[in-house]
Amino acid sequence: MGNLCFVFIFISLLVHGSTHGPDSCNHDRGLCRVGNCIPGEYLAKYCFEPVILCCKPLSPTPTKS
Protein backbone atom coordinates (compact mmCIF):
# COMPACT_ATOMS: atom_id res chain seq x y z
CA MET A 1 0.00 0.00 0.00
CA GLY A 2 2.84 2.40 0.80
CA ASN A 3 4.52 1.71 -2.53
CA LEU A 4 1.27 2.33 -4.40
CA CYS A 5 0.86 5.68 -2.67
CA PHE A 6 4.45 6.67 -3.53
CA VAL A 7 3.92 5.75 -7.20
CA PHE A 8 0.68 7.75 -7.33
CA ILE A 9 2.36 10.87 -5.88
CA PHE A 10 5.33 10.52 -8.24
CA ILE A 11 3.10 10.20 -11.31
CA SER A 12 0.91 13.11 -10.24
CA LEU A 13 4.00 15.32 -9.93
CA LEU A 14 5.21 14.35 -13.39
CA VAL A 15 1.96 14.93 -15.27
CA HIS A 16 1.02 18.30 -13.82
CA GLY A 17 0.81 20.96 -16.53
CA SER A 18 2.59 23.89 -14.92
CA THR A 19 5.80 22.23 -13.79
CA HIS A 20 9.02 23.29 -15.44
CA GLY A 21 11.72 21.19 -13.80
CA PRO A 22 14.98 22.20 -12.15
CA ASP A 23 16.84 22.88 -15.42
CA SER A 24 14.41 25.62 -16.39
CA CYS A 25 14.62 27.17 -12.92
CA ASN A 26 18.43 27.10 -12.81
CA HIS A 27 18.66 28.52 -16.32
CA ASP A 28 16.57 31.51 -15.23
CA ARG A 29 18.89 32.14 -12.21
CA GLY A 30 16.51 30.57 -9.73
CA LEU A 31 16.84 27.85 -7.12
CA CYS A 32 14.50 24.94 -6.49
CA ARG A 33 13.44 24.85 -2.84
CA VAL A 34 11.15 22.58 -0.85
CA GLY A 35 8.37 24.27 1.12
CA ASN A 36 8.98 28.02 1.12
CA CYS A 37 11.28 30.58 -0.45
CA ILE A 38 13.73 32.22 1.94
CA PRO A 39 13.51 35.94 2.81
CA GLY A 40 14.72 38.04 -0.11
CA GLU A 41 13.32 35.63 -2.69
CA TYR A 42 9.98 35.31 -4.47
CA LEU A 43 8.12 32.40 -6.03
CA ALA A 44 8.74 32.61 -9.78
CA LYS A 45 7.25 29.24 -10.79
CA TYR A 46 7.29 25.62 -9.71
CA CYS A 47 10.01 23.05 -10.31
CA PHE A 48 7.57 20.28 -9.33
CA GLU A 49 4.19 21.62 -8.26
CA PRO A 50 3.00 21.88 -5.50
CA VAL A 51 5.96 20.81 -3.37
CA ILE A 52 9.16 22.12 -4.96
CA LEU A 53 9.25 25.84 -5.71
CA CYS A 54 11.46 27.84 -8.06
CA CYS A 55 12.61 30.86 -6.05
CA LYS A 56 14.42 33.88 -7.48
CA PRO A 57 16.12 36.78 -5.71
CA LEU A 58 14.08 39.98 -5.34
CA SER A 59 16.83 42.14 -6.82
CA PRO A 60 19.52 41.11 -9.29
CA THR A 61 22.98 40.61 -7.84
CA PRO A 62 25.42 43.32 -8.89
CA THR A 63 28.29 42.26 -11.10
CA LYS A 64 31.84 43.45 -10.45
CA SER A 65 33.58 45.33 -13.25
C-alpha atoms as a PDB file:
ATOM      1  CA  MET A   1       0.000   0.000   0.000  1.00  0.00           C
ATOM      2  CA  GLY A   2       2.844   2.396   0.802  1.00  0.00           C
ATOM      3  CA  ASN A   3       4.521   1.707  -2.534  1.00  0.00           C
ATOM      4  CA  LEU A   4       1.274   2.333  -4.400  1.00  0.00           C
ATOM      5  CA  CYS A   5       0.860   5.678  -2.666  1.00  0.00           C
ATOM      6  CA  PHE A   6       4.446   6.673  -3.534  1.00  0.00           C
ATOM      7  CA  VAL A   7       3.917   5.751  -7.200  1.00  0.00           C
ATOM      8  CA  PHE A   8       0.679   7.754  -7.330  1.00  0.00           C
ATOM      9  CA  ILE A   9       2.360  10.867  -5.881  1.00  0.00           C
ATOM     10  CA  PHE A  10       5.328  10.523  -8.239  1.00  0.00           C
ATOM     11  CA  ILE A  11       3.098  10.200 -11.306  1.00  0.00           C
ATOM     12  CA  SER A  12       0.908  13.109 -10.243  1.00  0.00           C
ATOM     13  CA  LEU A  13       3.998  15.322  -9.927  1.00  0.00           C
ATOM     14  CA  LEU A  14       5.212  14.349 -13.388  1.00  0.00           C
ATOM     15  CA  VAL A  15       1.963  14.929 -15.268  1.00  0.00           C
ATOM     16  CA  HIS A  16       1.019  18.297 -13.819  1.00  0.00           C
ATOM     17  CA  GLY A  17       0.806  20.957 -16.526  1.00  0.00           C
ATOM     18  CA  SER A  18       2.589  23.891 -14.916  1.00  0.00           C
ATOM     19  CA  THR A  19       5.797  22.227 -13.785  1.00  0.00           C
ATOM     20  CA  HIS A  20       9.024  23.292 -15.440  1.00  0.00           C
ATOM     21  CA  GLY A  21      11.718  21.195 -13.800  1.00  0.00           C
ATOM     22  CA  PRO A  22      14.977  22.197 -12.148  1.00  0.00           C
ATOM     23  CA  ASP A  23      16.837  22.875 -15.418  1.00  0.00           C
ATOM     24  CA  SER A  24      14.413  25.622 -16.387  1.00  0.00           C
ATOM     25  CA  CYS A  25      14.622  27.173 -12.920  1.00  0.00           C
ATOM     26  CA  ASN A  26      18.431  27.104 -12.807  1.00  0.00           C
ATOM     27  CA  HIS A  27      18.660  28.524 -16.324  1.00  0.00           C
ATOM     28  CA  ASP A  28      16.570  31.515 -15.225  1.00  0.00           C
ATOM     29  CA  ARG A  29      18.887  32.143 -12.206  1.00  0.00           C
ATOM     30  CA  GLY A  30      16.507  30.571  -9.730  1.00  0.00           C
ATOM     31  CA  LEU A  31      16.837  27.852  -7.121  1.00  0.00           C
ATOM     32  CA  CYS A  32      14.499  24.936  -6.493  1.00  0.00           C
ATOM     33  CA  ARG A  33      13.436  24.854  -2.838  1.00  0.00           C
ATOM     34  CA  VAL A  34      11.150  22.575  -0.851  1.00  0.00           C
ATOM     35  CA  GLY A  35       8.371  24.269   1.118  1.00  0.00           C
ATOM     36  CA  ASN A  36       8.977  28.022   1.116  1.00  0.00           C
ATOM     37  CA  CYS A  37      11.281  30.576  -0.450  1.00  0.00           C
ATOM     38  CA  ILE A  38      13.730  32.220   1.937  1.00  0.00           C
ATOM     39  CA  PRO A  39      13.511  35.943   2.806  1.00  0.00           C
ATOM     40  CA  GLY A  40      14.719  38.040  -0.112  1.00  0.00           C
ATOM     41  CA  GLU A  41      13.318  35.628  -2.694  1.00  0.00           C
ATOM     42  CA  TYR A  42       9.982  35.311  -4.469  1.00  0.00           C
ATOM     43  CA  LEU A  43       8.125  32.396  -6.030  1.00  0.00           C
ATOM     44  CA  ALA A  44       8.744  32.609  -9.785  1.00  0.00           C
ATOM     45  CA  LYS A  45       7.251  29.245 -10.793  1.00  0.00           C
ATOM     46  CA  TYR A  46       7.293  25.618  -9.713  1.00  0.00           C
ATOM     47  CA  CYS A  47      10.014  23.048 -10.306  1.00  0.00           C
ATOM     48  CA  PHE A  48       7.571  20.277  -9.329  1.00  0.00           C
ATOM     49  CA  GLU A  49       4.187  21.619  -8.261  1.00  0.00           C
ATOM     50  CA  PRO A  50       2.996  21.878  -5.503  1.00  0.00           C
ATOM     51  CA  VAL A  51       5.958  20.812  -3.370  1.00  0.00           C
ATOM     52  CA  ILE A  52       9.156  22.125  -4.956  1.00  0.00           C
ATOM     53  CA  LEU A  53       9.247  25.838  -5.714  1.00  0.00           C
ATOM     54  CA  CYS A  54      11.463  27.840  -8.063  1.00  0.00           C
ATOM     55  CA  CYS A  55      12.606  30.860  -6.049  1.00  0.00           C
ATOM     56  CA  LYS A  56      14.416  33.879  -7.483  1.00  0.00           C
ATOM     57  CA  PRO A  57      16.125  36.785  -5.706  1.00  0.00           C
ATOM     58  CA  LEU A  58      14.080  39.984  -5.344  1.00  0.00           C
ATOM     59  CA  SER A  59      16.832  42.142  -6.817  1.00  0.00           C
ATOM     60  CA  PRO A  60      19.519  41.110  -9.285  1.00  0.00           C
ATOM     61  CA  THR A  61      22.977  40.614  -7.843  1.00  0.00           C
ATOM     62  CA  PRO A  62      25.419  43.324  -8.894  1.00  0.00           C
ATOM     63  CA  THR A  63      28.290  42.262 -11.100  1.00  0.00           C
ATOM     64  CA  LYS A  64      31.837  43.455 -10.454  1.00  0.00           C
ATOM     65  CA  SER A  65      33.577  45.325 -13.255  1.00  0.00           C
END
